[in-house]
Amino acid sequence: MHSTLLAFDIGTSGLKASLVDENLNIIRNVTTTYPTHHYPDGGCEQEAADWWMSAVRAMMMLRELAPEYVKRVDAIGVSGHMLGCLPMDSEGQTLRPAMIHADTRALAISNALRARYGRDYFYEICGNVLSPASTLCKTLWLKEHEPELYARQGMMRAPNGRSVSRRSMEKYAEALRLYETTDEELKSIARRLGLNYNSLSGFIRRNFPELIERHKESC
């Protein structure tokens, strides 16, 4: 029996779903749409629930068009637009619509960060150019303009798609600072901050390998 792949692409204007065979030939594909809300101040938002319901509708359409292939799905792939900000509570429930990549309300914050740290600072750290579209700038915009909602956040959607607690993000940032600016061993830092050593060391190896060499040189 041949393999079938199911792929979802959560785009800016709608969701595309495709059934693909093992040779990457498209068997069937469908598109569903959802609204994007634009605001005079540069706001650009979508409802996360619309993404989910679009995926459900697309799946039902594919099941009608190609039921024999849907039964043979061996793997599912999901891609989506990046540079968004979707605040959630501790239960993973959304607190407001998602600020998608086209949202430019954080322009003043982006300019202030560039003026303070320089144009290349954030690029050297994470490989992304700082702009109003950045998730960091959107998060700081929420802190400034929607402080009550910001304080209610239990979890944040990170750029890699994972949900992490705001407190954990703060602890990881502090661990990186200590690891970069002191000669304290990473195990000691993890223990002091209440972090799992293996998770912290893996995070640094994947995202900041240069810090490992710099730390070794400073010891």
Protein backbone atom coordinates (compact mmCIF):
# COMPACT_ATOMS: atom_id res chain seq x y z
CA MET A 1 0.00 0.00 0.00
CA HIS A 2 1.34 3.42 -0.98
CA SER A 3 1.91 6.18 1.56
CA THR A 4 -0.15 9.36 1.64
CA LEU A 5 0.83 12.64 3.28
CA LEU A 6 -1.57 15.32 4.52
CA ALA A 7 -0.22 18.88 4.48
CA PHE A 8 -1.78 22.01 5.96
CA ASP A 9 -0.53 25.51 5.13
CA ILE A 10 -2.01 28.23 7.36
CA GLY A 11 -1.60 31.28 5.16
CA THR A 12 -2.35 34.97 5.46
CA SER A 13 -5.61 34.82 3.53
CA GLY A 14 -6.65 31.21 4.04
CA LEU A 15 -5.69 27.62 4.66
CA LYS A 16 -4.57 25.15 1.99
CA ALA A 17 -4.77 21.42 2.58
CA SER A 18 -3.28 18.82 0.26
CA LEU A 19 -3.08 15.07 -0.02
CA VAL A 20 0.31 14.11 -1.45
CA ASP A 21 1.62 10.72 -2.53
CA GLU A 22 5.05 9.30 -1.69
CA ASN A 23 6.52 10.85 -4.84
CA LEU A 24 5.23 14.29 -3.78
CA ASN A 25 2.53 14.36 -6.44
CA ILE A 26 -0.57 16.27 -5.33
CA ILE A 27 -3.58 13.95 -5.24
CA ARG A 28 -6.13 16.53 -4.07
CA ASN A 29 -5.91 20.00 -2.63
CA VAL A 30 -8.50 22.39 -1.24
CA THR A 31 -8.51 25.96 0.07
CA THR A 32 -10.61 27.54 2.79
CA THR A 33 -10.61 31.22 3.73
CA TYR A 34 -10.91 33.27 6.90
CA PRO A 35 -11.08 37.03 7.52
CA THR A 36 -8.18 39.33 8.34
CA HIS A 37 -9.08 42.39 10.39
CA HIS A 38 -7.23 45.61 9.50
CA TYR A 39 -7.17 48.70 11.73
CA PRO A 40 -6.23 52.34 11.03
CA ASP A 41 -3.27 52.27 13.42
CA GLY A 42 -1.58 49.45 11.48
CA GLY A 43 -3.19 46.59 13.35
CA CYS A 44 -3.65 43.34 11.45
CA GLU A 45 -5.30 40.46 13.30
CA GLN A 46 -6.83 37.04 12.84
CA GLU A 47 -8.78 34.76 15.15
CA ALA A 48 -6.95 31.56 16.07
CA ALA A 49 -10.29 29.74 16.16
CA ASP A 50 -10.68 30.53 12.45
CA TRP A 51 -7.43 28.68 11.70
CA TRP A 52 -8.71 25.59 13.49
CA MET A 53 -12.15 25.64 11.90
CA SER A 54 -10.60 26.13 8.47
CA ALA A 55 -8.49 23.02 9.03
CA VAL A 56 -11.61 21.09 10.07
CA ARG A 57 -13.51 22.27 6.98
CA ALA A 58 -10.59 21.42 4.70
CA MET A 59 -10.34 17.93 6.19
CA MET A 60 -14.04 17.32 5.63
CA MET A 61 -13.72 18.48 2.02
CA LEU A 62 -10.79 16.13 1.37
CA ARG A 63 -12.68 13.26 2.96
CA GLU A 64 -15.51 13.86 0.48
CA LEU A 65 -13.20 14.22 -2.53
CA ALA A 66 -10.75 11.41 -1.84
CA PRO A 67 -11.94 9.17 1.02
CA GLU A 68 -9.73 6.26 -0.03
CA TYR A 69 -6.58 8.41 0.32
CA VAL A 70 -7.62 10.02 3.60
CA LYS A 71 -7.81 6.55 5.13
CA ARG A 72 -4.18 5.96 4.13
CA VAL A 73 -2.61 9.08 5.62
CA ASP A 74 0.71 8.15 7.26
CA ALA A 75 1.99 11.59 8.22
CA ILE A 76 0.73 15.15 8.69
CA GLY A 77 2.71 18.32 8.09
CA VAL A 78 1.72 21.83 9.20
CA SER A 79 3.22 25.19 8.20
CA GLY A 80 2.02 28.68 8.93
CA HIS A 81 2.85 32.36 8.71
CA MET A 82 5.54 33.40 11.17
CA LEU A 83 6.27 36.53 13.25
CA GLY A 84 2.91 36.47 14.97
CA CYS A 85 1.92 37.03 18.59
CA LEU A 86 -0.90 35.03 20.17
CA PRO A 87 -1.22 35.55 23.95
CA MET A 88 -2.72 32.66 25.93
CA ASP A 89 -3.61 31.91 29.52
CA SER A 90 -2.21 29.09 31.64
CA GLU A 91 -4.73 26.67 30.10
CA GLY A 92 -3.63 27.51 26.57
CA GLN A 93 -6.80 29.48 25.80
CA THR A 94 -6.34 32.56 23.64
CA LEU A 95 -6.74 35.94 25.33
CA ARG A 96 -7.11 38.05 22.18
CA PRO A 97 -6.89 37.75 18.39
CA ALA A 98 -3.47 36.99 16.95
CA MET A 99 -1.32 39.90 15.79
CA ILE A 100 -0.08 38.45 12.49
CA HIS A 101 3.12 39.29 10.62
CA ALA A 102 1.58 42.24 8.75
CA ASP A 103 0.75 44.07 12.00
CA THR A 104 2.90 47.24 12.20
CA ARG A 105 1.69 48.83 15.44
CA ALA A 106 5.05 48.15 17.10
CA LEU A 107 6.98 50.50 14.79
CA ALA A 108 7.89 52.95 17.57
CA ILE A 109 9.07 50.10 19.80
CA SER A 110 11.16 48.64 16.99
CA ASN A 111 12.79 52.03 16.35
CA ALA A 112 13.49 52.50 20.07
CA LEU A 113 15.18 49.09 20.33
CA ARG A 114 17.32 49.80 17.28
CA ALA A 115 18.34 53.17 18.68
CA ARG A 116 19.30 51.59 22.00
CA TYR A 117 21.04 48.40 20.87
CA GLY A 118 22.00 49.04 17.26
CA ARG A 119 20.69 47.58 14.02
CA ASP A 120 22.76 44.37 14.10
CA TYR A 121 22.44 43.39 17.77
CA PHE A 122 19.37 41.16 17.49
CA TYR A 123 20.41 39.74 14.13
CA GLU A 124 23.68 38.52 15.61
CA ILE A 125 21.80 36.81 18.44
CA CYS A 126 18.95 35.11 16.59
CA GLY A 127 19.52 35.62 12.86
CA ASN A 128 16.36 37.71 12.43
CA VAL A 129 16.22 41.38 11.50
CA LEU A 130 14.41 43.47 14.10
CA SER A 131 11.26 45.09 12.69
CA PRO A 132 7.71 46.02 13.76
CA ALA A 133 6.72 42.54 12.58
CA SER A 134 8.98 40.85 15.15
CA THR A 135 7.25 38.85 17.87
CA LEU A 136 9.45 40.61 20.44
CA CYS A 137 8.20 44.04 19.35
CA LYS A 138 4.58 42.88 19.31
CA THR A 139 4.93 41.48 22.83
CA LEU A 140 6.38 44.74 24.12
CA TRP A 141 3.54 46.62 22.36
CA LEU A 142 1.05 44.48 24.29
CA LYS A 143 2.87 45.21 27.53
CA GLU A 144 2.60 48.96 26.86
CA HIS A 145 -0.88 49.19 25.36
CA GLU A 146 -2.74 46.22 26.92
CA PRO A 147 -1.04 45.84 30.33
CA GLU A 148 -3.94 44.03 32.02
CA LEU A 149 -4.04 41.41 29.29
CA TYR A 150 -0.24 41.15 29.31
CA ALA A 151 -0.30 40.44 33.04
CA ARG A 152 -2.86 37.66 32.55
CA GLN A 153 -0.67 35.73 30.17
CA GLY A 154 0.30 32.31 31.36
CA MET A 155 1.78 31.19 28.09
CA MET A 156 3.20 32.75 24.95
CA ARG A 157 3.46 31.31 21.45
CA ALA A 158 7.14 31.29 20.59
CA PRO A 159 8.43 31.71 17.00
CA ASN A 160 9.05 27.98 16.73
CA GLY A 161 5.38 27.31 17.45
CA ARG A 162 5.78 25.93 20.94
CA SER A 163 3.88 27.24 23.95
CA VAL A 164 6.08 28.34 26.83
CA SER A 165 5.31 30.15 30.06
CA ARG A 166 6.35 33.78 30.35
CA ARG A 167 8.15 32.91 33.60
CA SER A 168 10.16 30.21 31.82
CA MET A 169 11.12 32.65 29.08
CA GLU A 170 12.35 35.07 31.75
CA LYS A 171 14.37 32.33 33.47
CA TYR A 172 15.98 31.24 30.21
CA ALA A 173 16.89 34.84 29.43
CA GLU A 174 18.51 35.19 32.88
CA ALA A 175 20.36 31.89 32.41
CA LEU A 176 21.75 33.11 29.08
CA ARG A 177 22.87 36.37 30.67
CA LEU A 178 24.68 34.59 33.49
CA TYR A 179 26.26 32.05 31.17
CA GLU A 180 27.51 34.80 28.86
CA THR A 181 28.77 37.25 31.49
CA THR A 182 30.09 35.02 34.31
CA ASP A 183 32.24 31.90 34.67
CA GLU A 184 29.51 30.05 36.59
CA GLU A 185 28.96 26.51 35.33
CA LEU A 186 25.73 25.85 33.45
CA LYS A 187 24.67 23.11 35.89
CA SER A 188 24.98 25.59 38.74
CA ILE A 189 22.96 28.21 36.82
CA ALA A 190 20.23 25.70 36.01
CA ARG A 191 20.04 24.52 39.62
CA ARG A 192 19.91 28.07 40.97
CA LEU A 193 17.11 29.11 38.60
CA GLY A 194 15.14 25.88 38.99
CA LEU A 195 15.62 24.84 35.35
CA ASN A 196 16.23 21.39 33.92
CA TYR A 197 19.92 21.20 33.04
CA ASN A 198 19.49 18.95 29.99
CA SER A 199 16.76 21.18 28.55
CA LEU A 200 18.79 24.35 29.16
CA SER A 201 22.01 22.94 27.72
CA GLY A 202 20.16 21.60 24.67
CA PHE A 203 18.50 24.99 24.14
CA ILE A 204 21.89 26.73 24.18
CA ARG A 205 23.51 24.16 21.87
CA ARG A 206 20.72 24.57 19.31
CA ASN A 207 20.31 28.31 19.43
CA PHE A 208 23.49 29.89 20.85
CA PRO A 209 26.42 27.54 20.08
CA GLU A 210 28.84 30.48 20.05
CA LEU A 211 28.15 31.09 23.75
CA ILE A 212 29.61 27.68 24.60
CA GLU A 213 32.98 28.56 23.08
CA ARG A 214 32.99 32.03 24.59
CA HIS A 215 32.20 30.59 28.01
CA LYS A 216 35.02 28.04 27.73
CA GLU A 217 37.49 30.80 26.80
CA SER A 218 36.47 32.93 29.79
CA CYS A 219 36.95 30.10 32.32
